Amino acid sequence: MPLPRPATPRVLVEDLRTFWRARRRGHWVAAILAAVMTGGIVIAFLIDSHQLAQPREQIIFLDSWPADRTDDQIRARQKADLDARTRAEAEHRRQLQRIDRNLNRLGI
């Protein structure tokens, strides 16, 4: 079976013109709204991608330690840091569980 001949751009434009002339006003409104919403989403992604490309200020915090501190002091500080991190993770988990319970209550 032979393939159909490709249409020229003039025939394509005339076909589209005939198609849209037969449409009611509501179809035009829906087509314009669809194009505007799609364009808005694409523009939002473009703006967002440009904001991510800009370098941001980076802050680095350093602790100053005495040179003569003992291993026991180091271990105590590491244990205190671990305890603080564990508490922060537990609090974050608790907040997420509260959000999950609220969403489940709403049926989401």
PDB file of N, CA and C in Angstrom:
ATOM      1  N   MET A   1       0.847  -1.175   0.000  1.00  0.00           N
ATOM      2  CA  MET A   1       0.000   0.000   0.000  1.00  0.00           C
ATOM      3  C   MET A   1       0.892   1.238   0.000  1.00  0.00           C
ATOM      4  N   PRO A   2       0.752   2.099  -0.986  1.00  0.00           N
ATOM      5  CA  PRO A   2       1.610   3.292  -1.047  1.00  0.00           C
ATOM      6  C   PRO A   2       1.197   4.314   0.011  1.00  0.00           C
ATOM      7  N   LEU A   3       2.184   5.053   0.454  1.00  0.00           N
ATOM      8  CA  LEU A   3       1.934   6.118   1.428  1.00  0.00           C
ATOM      9  C   LEU A   3       1.305   7.325   0.747  1.00  0.00           C
ATOM     10  N   PRO A   4       0.471   8.077   1.461  1.00  0.00           N
ATOM     11  CA  PRO A   4      -0.113   9.276   0.835  1.00  0.00           C
ATOM     12  C   PRO A   4       0.951  10.336   0.604  1.00  0.00           C
ATOM     13  N   ARG A   5       0.702  11.172  -0.388  1.00  0.00           N
ATOM     14  CA  ARG A   5       1.639  12.248  -0.690  1.00  0.00           C
ATOM     15  C   ARG A   5       1.619  13.273   0.443  1.00  0.00           C
ATOM     16  N   PRO A   6       2.753  13.847   0.793  1.00  0.00           N
ATOM     17  CA  PRO A   6       2.749  14.890   1.829  1.00  0.00           C
ATOM     18  C   PRO A   6       2.023  16.140   1.340  1.00  0.00           C
ATOM     19  N   ALA A   7       1.304  16.768   2.259  1.00  0.00           N
ATOM     20  CA  ALA A   7       0.542  17.968   1.910  1.00  0.00           C
ATOM     21  C   ALA A   7       1.460  19.189   1.965  1.00  0.00           C
ATOM     22  N   THR A   8       1.141  20.160   1.161  1.00  0.00           N
ATOM     23  CA  THR A   8       1.907  21.404   1.173  1.00  0.00           C
ATOM     24  C   THR A   8       1.428  22.277   2.326  1.00  0.00           C
ATOM     25  N   PRO A   9       2.236  23.225   2.782  1.00  0.00           N
ATOM     26  CA  PRO A   9       1.811  24.113   3.863  1.00  0.00           C
ATOM     27  C   PRO A   9       0.547  24.894   3.523  1.00  0.00           C
ATOM     28  N   ARG A  10       0.378  25.259   2.256  1.00  0.00           N
ATOM     29  CA  ARG A  10      -0.814  26.010   1.852  1.00  0.00           C
ATOM     30  C   ARG A  10      -2.068  25.173   2.075  1.00  0.00           C
ATOM     31  N   VAL A  11      -2.009  23.878   1.727  1.00  0.00           N
ATOM     32  CA  VAL A  11      -3.148  22.982   1.920  1.00  0.00           C
ATOM     33  C   VAL A  11      -3.420  22.804   3.412  1.00  0.00           C
ATOM     34  N   LEU A  12      -2.375  22.702   4.221  1.00  0.00           N
ATOM     35  CA  LEU A  12      -2.533  22.559   5.667  1.00  0.00           C
ATOM     36  C   LEU A  12      -3.222  23.785   6.261  1.00  0.00           C
ATOM     37  N   VAL A  13      -2.787  24.962   5.880  1.00  0.00           N
ATOM     38  CA  VAL A  13      -3.389  26.194   6.401  1.00  0.00           C
ATOM     39  C   VAL A  13      -4.844  26.282   5.981  1.00  0.00           C
ATOM     40  N   GLU A  14      -5.143  25.951   4.753  1.00  0.00           N
ATOM     41  CA  GLU A  14      -6.537  26.002   4.281  1.00  0.00           C
ATOM     42  C   GLU A  14      -7.406  24.983   5.021  1.00  0.00           C
ATOM     43  N   ASP A  15      -6.860  23.808   5.297  1.00  0.00           N
ATOM     44  CA  ASP A  15      -7.603  22.784   6.034  1.00  0.00           C
ATOM     45  C   ASP A  15      -7.895  23.253   7.459  1.00  0.00           C
ATOM     46  N   LEU A  16      -6.903  23.832   8.126  1.00  0.00           N
ATOM     47  CA  LEU A  16      -7.121  24.361   9.477  1.00  0.00           C
ATOM     48  C   LEU A  16      -8.131  25.506   9.469  1.00  0.00           C
ATOM     49  N   ARG A  17      -8.054  26.367   8.470  1.00  0.00           N
ATOM     50  CA  ARG A  17      -8.992  27.478   8.360  1.00  0.00           C
ATOM     51  C   ARG A  17     -10.425  26.957   8.210  1.00  0.00           C
ATOM     52  N   THR A  18     -10.617  25.958   7.388  1.00  0.00           N
ATOM     53  CA  THR A  18     -11.947  25.358   7.196  1.00  0.00           C
ATOM     54  C   THR A  18     -12.428  24.701   8.494  1.00  0.00           C
ATOM     55  N   PHE A  19     -11.527  24.015   9.176  1.00  0.00           N
ATOM     56  CA  PHE A  19     -11.891  23.351  10.429  1.00  0.00           C
ATOM     57  C   PHE A  19     -12.367  24.357  11.467  1.00  0.00           C
ATOM     58  N   TRP A  20     -11.622  25.455  11.658  1.00  0.00           N
ATOM     59  CA  TRP A  20     -11.981  26.422  12.695  1.00  0.00           C
ATOM     60  C   TRP A  20     -13.179  27.286  12.312  1.00  0.00           C
ATOM     61  N   ARG A  21     -13.449  27.456  11.054  1.00  0.00           N
ATOM     62  CA  ARG A  21     -14.637  28.227  10.653  1.00  0.00           C
ATOM     63  C   ARG A  21     -15.928  27.505  11.038  1.00  0.00           C
ATOM     64  N   ALA A  22     -15.873  26.177  11.082  1.00  0.00           N
ATOM     65  CA  ALA A  22     -17.061  25.393  11.409  1.00  0.00           C
ATOM     66  C   ALA A  22     -17.299  25.297  12.917  1.00  0.00           C
ATOM     67  N   ARG A  23     -16.400  25.839  13.719  1.00  0.00           N
ATOM     68  CA  ARG A  23     -16.501  25.745  15.184  1.00  0.00           C
ATOM     69  C   ARG A  23     -17.344  26.878  15.748  1.00  0.00           C
ATOM     70  N   ARG A  24     -17.991  26.560  16.889  1.00  0.00           N
ATOM     71  CA  ARG A  24     -18.769  27.584  17.583  1.00  0.00           C
ATOM     72  C   ARG A  24     -17.842  28.449  18.426  1.00  0.00           C
ATOM     73  N   ARG A  25     -18.411  29.517  18.981  1.00  0.00           N
ATOM     74  CA  ARG A  25     -17.625  30.476  19.770  1.00  0.00           C
ATOM     75  C   ARG A  25     -17.032  29.827  21.020  1.00  0.00           C
ATOM     76  N   GLY A  26     -17.771  28.903  21.638  1.00  0.00           N
ATOM     77  CA  GLY A  26     -17.284  28.233  22.842  1.00  0.00           C
ATOM     78  C   GLY A  26     -16.009  27.440  22.608  1.00  0.00           C
ATOM     79  N   HIS A  27     -15.873  26.872  21.423  1.00  0.00           N
ATOM     80  CA  HIS A  27     -14.653  26.137  21.099  1.00  0.00           C
ATOM     81  C   HIS A  27     -13.458  27.085  21.011  1.00  0.00           C
ATOM     82  N   TRP A  28     -13.702  28.280  20.459  1.00  0.00           N
ATOM     83  CA  TRP A  28     -12.633  29.276  20.392  1.00  0.00           C
ATOM     84  C   TRP A  28     -12.183  29.685  21.793  1.00  0.00           C
ATOM     85  N   VAL A  29     -13.156  29.922  22.664  1.00  0.00           N
ATOM     86  CA  VAL A  29     -12.830  30.337  24.035  1.00  0.00           C
ATOM     87  C   VAL A  29     -12.040  29.239  24.741  1.00  0.00           C
ATOM     88  N   ALA A  30     -12.476  27.989  24.593  1.00  0.00           N
ATOM     89  CA  ALA A  30     -11.768  26.874  25.227  1.00  0.00           C
ATOM     90  C   ALA A  30     -10.350  26.730  24.672  1.00  0.00           C
ATOM     91  N   ALA A  31     -10.196  26.898  23.372  1.00  0.00           N
ATOM     92  CA  ALA A  31      -8.863  26.788  22.759  1.00  0.00           C
ATOM     93  C   ALA A  31      -7.943  27.895  23.253  1.00  0.00           C
ATOM     94  N   ILE A  32      -8.457  29.104  23.359  1.00  0.00           N
ATOM     95  CA  ILE A  32      -7.639  30.227  23.842  1.00  0.00           C
ATOM     96  C   ILE A  32      -7.261  30.023  25.297  1.00  0.00           C
ATOM     97  N   LEU A  33      -8.218  29.585  26.126  1.00  0.00           N
ATOM     98  CA  LEU A  33      -7.909  29.325  27.539  1.00  0.00           C
ATOM     99  C   LEU A  33      -6.869  28.218  27.687  1.00  0.00           C
ATOM    100  N   ALA A  34      -6.991  27.170  26.894  1.00  0.00           N
ATOM    101  CA  ALA A  34      -6.021  26.081  26.956  1.00  0.00           C
ATOM    102  C   ALA A  34      -4.624  26.571  26.566  1.00  0.00           C
ATOM    103  N   ALA A  35      -4.555  27.397  25.529  1.00  0.00           N
ATOM    104  CA  ALA A  35      -3.259  27.924  25.094  1.00  0.00           C
ATOM    105  C   ALA A  35      -2.664  28.855  26.147  1.00  0.00           C
ATOM    106  N   VAL A  36      -3.495  29.691  26.769  1.00  0.00           N
ATOM    107  CA  VAL A  36      -2.999  30.626  27.795  1.00  0.00           C
ATOM    108  C   VAL A  36      -2.505  29.866  29.017  1.00  0.00           C
ATOM    109  N   MET A  37      -3.258  28.849  29.456  1.00  0.00           N
ATOM    110  CA  MET A  37      -2.826  28.079  30.620  1.00  0.00           C
ATOM    111  C   MET A  37      -1.532  27.322  30.335  1.00  0.00           C
ATOM    112  N   THR A  38      -1.430  26.713  29.169  1.00  0.00           N
ATOM    113  CA  THR A  38      -0.204  26.006  28.810  1.00  0.00           C
ATOM    114  C   THR A  38       0.972  26.968  28.738  1.00  0.00           C
ATOM    115  N   GLY A  39       0.756  28.114  28.107  1.00  0.00           N
ATOM    116  CA  GLY A  39       1.825  29.123  28.036  1.00  0.00           C
ATOM    117  C   GLY A  39       2.223  29.620  29.415  1.00  0.00           C
ATOM    118  N   GLY A  40       1.248  29.811  30.293  1.00  0.00           N
ATOM    119  CA  GLY A  40       1.551  30.260  31.661  1.00  0.00           C
ATOM    120  C   GLY A  40       2.398  29.251  32.416  1.00  0.00           C
ATOM    121  N   ILE A  41       2.087  27.981  32.257  1.00  0.00           N
ATOM    122  CA  ILE A  41       2.879  26.945  32.935  1.00  0.00           C
ATOM    123  C   ILE A  41       4.296  26.915  32.392  1.00  0.00           C
ATOM    124  N   VAL A  42       4.445  27.007  31.083  1.00  0.00           N
ATOM    125  CA  VAL A  42       5.786  27.003  30.478  1.00  0.00           C
ATOM    126  C   VAL A  42       6.575  28.218  30.939  1.00  0.00           C
ATOM    127  N   ILE A  43       5.946  29.387  30.978  1.00  0.00           N
ATOM    128  CA  ILE A  43       6.632  30.605  31.431  1.00  0.00           C
ATOM    129  C   ILE A  43       7.024  30.487  32.894  1.00  0.00           C
ATOM    130  N   ALA A  44       6.149  29.918  33.731  1.00  0.00           N
ATOM    131  CA  ALA A  44       6.478  29.732  35.155  1.00  0.00           C
ATOM    132  C   ALA A  44       7.690  28.828  35.314  1.00  0.00           C
ATOM    133  N   PHE A  45       7.766  27.744  34.532  1.00  0.00           N
ATOM    134  CA  PHE A  45       8.935  26.869  34.605  1.00  0.00           C
ATOM    135  C   PHE A  45      10.194  27.587  34.130  1.00  0.00           C
ATOM    136  N   LEU A  46      10.081  28.401  33.099  1.00  0.00           N
ATOM    137  CA  LEU A  46      11.257  29.141  32.617  1.00  0.00           C
ATOM    138  C   LEU A  46      11.759  30.122  33.666  1.00  0.00           C
ATOM    139  N   ILE A  47      10.843  30.855  34.300  1.00  0.00           N
ATOM    140  CA  ILE A  47      11.235  31.806  35.341  1.00  0.00           C
ATOM    141  C   ILE A  47      11.878  31.074  36.501  1.00  0.00           C
ATOM    142  N   ASP A  48      11.285  29.957  36.904  1.00  0.00           N
ATOM    143  CA  ASP A  48      11.817  29.194  38.019  1.00  0.00           C
ATOM    144  C   ASP A  48      13.198  28.637  37.701  1.00  0.00           C
ATOM    145  N   SER A  49      13.406  28.176  36.479  1.00  0.00           N
ATOM    146  CA  SER A  49      14.715  27.618  36.127  1.00  0.00           C
ATOM    147  C   SER A  49      15.797  28.698  36.110  1.00  0.00           C
ATOM    148  N   HIS A  50      15.437  29.924  35.758  1.00  0.00           N
ATOM    149  CA  HIS A  50      16.430  30.998  35.774  1.00  0.00           C
ATOM    150  C   HIS A  50      16.786  31.394  37.203  1.00  0.00           C
ATOM    151  N   GLN A  51      15.841  31.305  38.111  1.00  0.00           N
ATOM    152  CA  GLN A  51      16.133  31.639  39.504  1.00  0.00           C
ATOM    153  C   GLN A  51      17.063  30.607  40.126  1.00  0.00           C
ATOM    154  N   LEU A  52      16.935  29.343  39.737  1.00  0.00           N
ATOM    155  CA  LEU A  52      17.808  28.311  40.283  1.00  0.00           C
ATOM    156  C   LEU A  52      19.227  28.432  39.742  1.00  0.00           C
ATOM    157  N   ALA A  53      19.381  29.002  38.567  1.00  0.00           N
ATOM    158  CA  ALA A  53      20.699  29.108  37.953  1.00  0.00           C
ATOM    159  C   ALA A  53      21.549  30.189  38.600  1.00  0.00           C
ATOM    160  N   GLN A  54      20.919  31.140  39.284  1.00  0.00           N
ATOM    161  CA  GLN A  54      21.676  32.221  39.903  1.00  0.00           C
ATOM    162  C   GLN A  54      22.367  31.709  41.169  1.00  0.00           C
ATOM    163  N   PRO A  55      23.648  32.025  41.331  1.00  0.00           N
ATOM    164  CA  PRO A  55      24.339  31.563  42.531  1.00  0.00           C
ATOM    165  C   PRO A  55      23.814  32.291  43.769  1.00  0.00           C
ATOM    166  N   ARG A  56      23.671  31.546  44.826  1.00  0.00           N
ATOM    167  CA  ARG A  56      23.175  32.115  46.068  1.00  0.00           C
ATOM    168  C   ARG A  56      24.318  32.251  47.058  1.00  0.00           C
ATOM    169  N   GLU A  57      24.121  33.132  48.010  1.00  0.00           N
ATOM    170  CA  GLU A  57      25.127  33.335  49.038  1.00  0.00           C
ATOM    171  C   GLU A  57      25.202  32.085  49.899  1.00  0.00           C
ATOM    172  N   GLN A  58      26.412  31.630  50.151  1.00  0.00           N
ATOM    173  CA  GLN A  58      26.593  30.420  50.941  1.00  0.00           C
ATOM    174  C   GLN A  58      27.244  30.804  52.261  1.00  0.00           C
ATOM    175  N   ILE A  59      26.616  30.374  53.348  1.00  0.00           N
ATOM    176  CA  ILE A  59      27.130  30.673  54.677  1.00  0.00           C
ATOM    177  C   ILE A  59      27.681  29.383  55.269  1.00  0.00           C
ATOM    178  N   ILE A  60      28.912  29.440  55.735  1.00  0.00           N
ATOM    179  CA  ILE A  60      29.557  28.283  56.346  1.00  0.00           C
ATOM    180  C   ILE A  60      29.894  28.657  57.784  1.00  0.00           C
ATOM    181  N   PHE A  61      29.370  27.869  58.711  1.00  0.00           N
ATOM    182  CA  PHE A  61      29.625  28.093  60.125  1.00  0.00           C
ATOM    183  C   PHE A  61      30.758  27.172  60.574  1.00  0.00           C
ATOM    184  N   LEU A  62      31.699  27.727  61.281  1.00  0.00           N
ATOM    185  CA  LEU A  62      32.824  26.960  61.793  1.00  0.00           C
ATOM    186  C   LEU A  62      32.853  27.081  63.312  1.00  0.00           C
ATOM    187  N   ASP A  63      33.142  25.960  63.959  1.00  0.00           N
ATOM    188  CA  ASP A  63      33.327  25.982  65.407  1.00  0.00           C
ATOM    189  C   ASP A  63      34.816  26.153  65.694  1.00  0.00           C
ATOM    190  N   SER A  64      35.107  26.952  66.686  1.00  0.00           N
ATOM    191  CA  SER A  64      36.493  27.150  67.097  1.00  0.00           C
ATOM    192  C   SER A  64      36.752  26.252  68.309  1.00  0.00           C
ATOM    193  N   TRP A  65      37.749  25.393  68.189  1.00  0.00           N
ATOM    194  CA  TRP A  65      38.044  24.459  69.258  1.00  0.00           C
ATOM    195  C   TRP A  65      39.417  24.759  69.839  1.00  0.00           C
ATOM    196  N   PRO A  66      39.549  24.592  71.138  1.00  0.00           N
ATOM    197  CA  PRO A  66      40.894  24.747  71.715  1.00  0.00           C
ATOM    198  C   PRO A  66      41.787  23.583  71.262  1.00  0.00           C
ATOM    199  N   ALA A  67      43.036  23.856  71.060  1.00  0.00           N
ATOM    200  CA  ALA A  67      43.959  22.838  70.562  1.00  0.00           C
ATOM    201  C   ALA A  67      44.259  21.764  71.602  1.00  0.00           C
ATOM    202  N   ASP A  68      44.039  22.064  72.869  1.00  0.00           N
ATOM    203  CA  ASP A  68      44.407  21.099  73.922  1.00  0.00           C
ATOM    204  C   ASP A  68      43.194  20.356  74.496  1.00  0.00           C
ATOM    205  N   ARG A  69      42.120  20.217  73.755  1.00  0.00           N
ATOM    206  CA  ARG A  69      40.953  19.511  74.286  1.00  0.00           C
ATOM    207  C   ARG A  69      41.201  18.011  74.271  1.00  0.00           C
ATOM    208  N   THR A  70      40.560  17.324  75.205  1.00  0.00           N
ATOM    209  CA  THR A  70      40.796  15.890  75.374  1.00  0.00           C
ATOM    210  C   THR A  70      39.812  15.087  74.531  1.00  0.00           C
ATOM    211  N   ASP A  71      40.115  13.795  74.422  1.00  0.00           N
ATOM    212  CA  ASP A  71      39.224  12.897  73.687  1.00  0.00           C
ATOM    213  C   ASP A  71      37.860  12.802  74.366  1.00  0.00           C
ATOM    214  N   ASP A  72      37.856  12.868  75.707  1.00  0.00           N
ATOM    215  CA  ASP A  72      36.584  12.818  76.430  1.00  0.00           C
ATOM    216  C   ASP A  72      35.709  14.032  76.093  1.00  0.00           C
ATOM    217  N   GLN A  73      36.330  15.202  75.954  1.00  0.00           N
ATOM    218  CA  GLN A  73      35.579  16.396  75.565  1.00  0.00           C
ATOM    219  C   GLN A  73      35.010  16.257  74.150  1.00  0.00           C
ATOM    220  N   ILE A  74      35.805  15.667  73.265  1.00  0.00           N
ATOM    221  CA  ILE A  74      35.349  15.459  71.890  1.00  0.00           C
ATOM    222  C   ILE A  74      34.156  14.509  71.875  1.00  0.00           C
ATOM    223  N   ARG A  75      34.275  13.399  72.617  1.00  0.00           N
ATOM    224  CA  ARG A  75      33.170  12.426  72.661  1.00  0.00           C
ATOM    225  C   ARG A  75      31.916  13.044  73.283  1.00  0.00           C
ATOM    226  N   ALA A  76      32.082  13.859  74.323  1.00  0.00           N
ATOM    227  CA  ALA A  76      30.924  14.501  74.967  1.00  0.00           C
ATOM    228  C   ALA A  76      30.237  15.457  73.990  1.00  0.00           C
ATOM    229  N   ARG A  77      31.013  16.194  73.234  1.00  0.00           N
ATOM    230  CA  ARG A  77      30.430  17.120  72.273  1.00  0.00           C
ATOM    231  C   ARG A  77      29.707  16.366  71.150  1.00  0.00           C
ATOM    232  N   GLN A  78      30.335  15.261  70.681  1.00  0.00           N
ATOM    233  CA  GLN A  78      29.688  14.461  69.645  1.00  0.00           C
ATOM    234  C   GLN A  78      28.382  13.855  70.154  1.00  0.00           C
ATOM    235  N   LYS A  79      28.364  13.404  71.422  1.00  0.00           N
ATOM    236  CA  LYS A  79      27.137  12.846  71.987  1.00  0.00           C
ATOM    237  C   LYS A  79      26.066  13.922  72.111  1.00  0.00           C
ATOM    238  N   ALA A  80      26.456  15.124  72.526  1.00  0.00           N
ATOM    239  CA  ALA A  80      25.491  16.224  72.636  1.00  0.00           C
ATOM    240  C   ALA A  80      24.941  16.601  71.264  1.00  0.00           C
ATOM    241  N   ASP A  81      25.810  16.636  70.249  1.00  0.00           N
ATOM    242  CA  ASP A  81      25.362  16.940  68.892  1.00  0.00           C
ATOM    243  C   ASP A  81      24.416  15.863  68.368  1.00  0.00           C
ATOM    244  N   LEU A  82      24.743  14.587  68.650  1.00  0.00           N
ATOM    245  CA  LEU A  82      23.887  13.490  68.218  1.00  0.00           C
ATOM    246  C   LEU A  82      22.520  13.557  68.907  1.00  0.00           C
ATOM    247  N   ASP A  83      22.515  13.870  70.207  1.00  0.00           N
ATOM    248  CA  ASP A  83      21.249  13.996  70.937  1.00  0.00           C
ATOM    249  C   ASP A  83      20.402  15.133  70.373  1.00  0.00           C
ATOM    250  N   ALA A  84      21.032  16.262  70.057  1.00  0.00           N
ATOM    251  CA  ALA A  84      20.297  17.397  69.496  1.00  0.00           C
ATOM    252  C   ALA A  84      19.724  17.028  68.123  1.00  0.00           C
ATOM    253  N   ARG A  85      20.511  16.330  67.330  1.00  0.00           N
ATOM    254  CA  ARG A  85      20.028  15.919  66.004  1.00  0.00           C
ATOM    255  C   ARG A  85      18.880  14.919  66.125  1.00  0.00           C
ATOM    256  N   THR A  86      19.001  13.977  67.058  1.00  0.00           N
ATOM    257  CA  THR A  86      17.937  12.990  67.272  1.00  0.00           C
ATOM    258  C   THR A  86      16.650  13.668  67.713  1.00  0.00           C
ATOM    259  N   ARG A  87      16.755  14.656  68.607  1.00  0.00           N
ATOM    260  CA  ARG A  87      15.569  15.392  69.054  1.00  0.00           C
ATOM    261  C   ARG A  87      14.934  16.158  67.899  1.00  0.00           C
ATOM    262  N   ALA A  88      15.766  16.791  67.062  1.00  0.00           N
ATOM    263  CA  ALA A  88      15.242  17.548  65.923  1.00  0.00           C
ATOM    264  C   ALA A  88      14.551  16.616  64.926  1.00  0.00           C
ATOM    265  N   GLU A  89      15.136  15.449  64.665  1.00  0.00           N
ATOM    266  CA  GLU A  89      14.518  14.487  63.749  1.00  0.00           C
ATOM    267  C   GLU A  89      13.201  13.972  64.321  1.00  0.00           C
ATOM    268  N   ALA A  90      13.161  13.719  65.634  1.00  0.00           N
ATOM    269  CA  ALA A  90      11.929  13.241  66.259  1.00  0.00           C
ATOM    270  C   ALA A  90      10.837  14.309  66.174  1.00  0.00           C
ATOM    271  N   GLU A  91      11.197  15.560  66.374  1.00  0.00           N
ATOM    272  CA  GLU A  91      10.218  16.653  66.281  1.00  0.00           C
ATOM    273  C   GLU A  91       9.703  16.784  64.853  1.00  0.00           C
ATOM    274  N   HIS A  92      10.600  16.680  63.886  1.00  0.00           N
ATOM    275  CA  HIS A  92      10.198  16.758  62.481  1.00  0.00           C
ATOM    276  C   HIS A  92       9.268  15.593  62.132  1.00  0.00           C
ATOM    277  N   ARG A  93       9.618  14.395  62.590  1.00  0.00           N
ATOM    278  CA  ARG A  93       8.780  13.221  62.344  1.00  0.00           C
ATOM    279  C   ARG A  93       7.405  13.407  62.974  1.00  0.00           C
ATOM    280  N   ARG A  94       7.357  13.974  64.180  1.00  0.00           N
ATOM    281  CA  ARG A  94       6.098  14.205  64.864  1.00  0.00           C
ATOM    282  C   ARG A  94       5.230  15.184  64.073  1.00  0.00           C
ATOM    283  N   GLN A  95       5.843  16.237  63.545  1.00  0.00           N
ATOM    284  CA  GLN A  95       5.092  17.208  62.739  1.00  0.00           C
ATOM    285  C   GLN A  95       4.546  16.558  61.462  1.00  0.00           C
ATOM    286  N   LEU A  96       5.359  15.737  60.811  1.00  0.00           N
ATOM    287  CA  LEU A  96       4.895  15.064  59.600  1.00  0.00           C
ATOM    288  C   LEU A  96       3.766  14.083  59.905  1.00  0.00           C
ATOM    289  N   GLN A  97       3.855  13.403  61.044  1.00  0.00           N
ATOM    290  CA  GLN A  97       2.780  12.484  61.426  1.00  0.00           C
ATOM    291  C   GLN A  97       1.487  13.246  61.705  1.00  0.00           C
ATOM    292  N   ARG A  98       1.607  14.424  62.312  1.00  0.00           N
ATOM    293  CA  ARG A  98       0.425  15.235  62.578  1.00  0.00           C
ATOM    294  C   ARG A  98      -0.228  15.672  61.255  1.00  0.00           C
ATOM    295  N   ILE A  99       0.597  16.077  60.298  1.00  0.00           N
ATOM    296  CA  ILE A  99       0.070  16.456  58.986  1.00  0.00           C
ATOM    297  C   ILE A  99      -0.584  15.254  58.322  1.00  0.00           C
ATOM    298  N   ASP A 100       0.047  14.080  58.422  1.00  0.00           N
ATOM    299  CA  ASP A 100      -0.519  12.874  57.824  1.00  0.00           C
ATOM    300  C   ASP A 100      -1.859  12.519  58.456  1.00  0.00           C
ATOM    301  N   ARG A 101      -1.958  12.624  59.778  1.00  0.00           N
ATOM    302  CA  ARG A 101      -3.240  12.349  60.448  1.00  0.00           C
ATOM    303  C   ARG A 101      -4.317  13.314  59.976  1.00  0.00           C
ATOM    304  N   ASN A 102      -3.971  14.595  59.853  1.00  0.00           N
ATOM    305  CA  ASN A 102      -4.953  15.583  59.386  1.00  0.00           C
ATOM    306  C   ASN A 102      -5.396  15.297  57.955  1.00  0.00           C
ATOM    307  N   LEU A 103      -4.459  14.920  57.100  1.00  0.00           N
ATOM    308  CA  LEU A 103      -4.809  14.588  55.714  1.00  0.00           C
ATOM    309  C   LEU A 103      -5.670  13.321  55.646  1.00  0.00           C
ATOM    310  N   ASN A 104      -5.340  12.324  56.480  1.00  0.00           N
ATOM    311  CA  ASN A 104      -6.149  11.103  56.523  1.00  0.00           C
ATOM    312  C   ASN A 104      -7.560  11.402  57.015  1.00  0.00           C
ATOM    313  N   ARG A 105      -7.668  12.308  57.976  1.00  0.00           N
ATOM    314  CA  ARG A 105      -8.975  12.672  58.498  1.00  0.00           C
ATOM    315  C   ARG A 105      -9.818  13.336  57.403  1.00  0.00           C
ATOM    316  N   LEU A 106      -9.156  14.101  56.510  1.00  0.00           N
ATOM    317  CA  LEU A 106      -9.867  14.747  55.413  1.00  0.00           C
ATOM    318  C   LEU A 106     -10.105  13.805  54.239  1.00  0.00           C
ATOM    319  N   GLY A 107      -9.505  12.604  54.296  1.00  0.00           N
ATOM    320  CA  GLY A 107      -9.702  11.640  53.218  1.00  0.00           C
ATOM    321  C   GLY A 107      -8.750  11.824  52.071  1.00  0.00           C
ATOM    322  N   ILE A 108      -7.652  12.471  52.320  1.00  0.00           N
ATOM    323  CA  ILE A 108      -6.659  12.708  51.253  1.00  0.00           C
ATOM    324  C   ILE A 108      -5.502  11.737  51.425  1.00  0.00           C
TER     325      ILE A 108
END
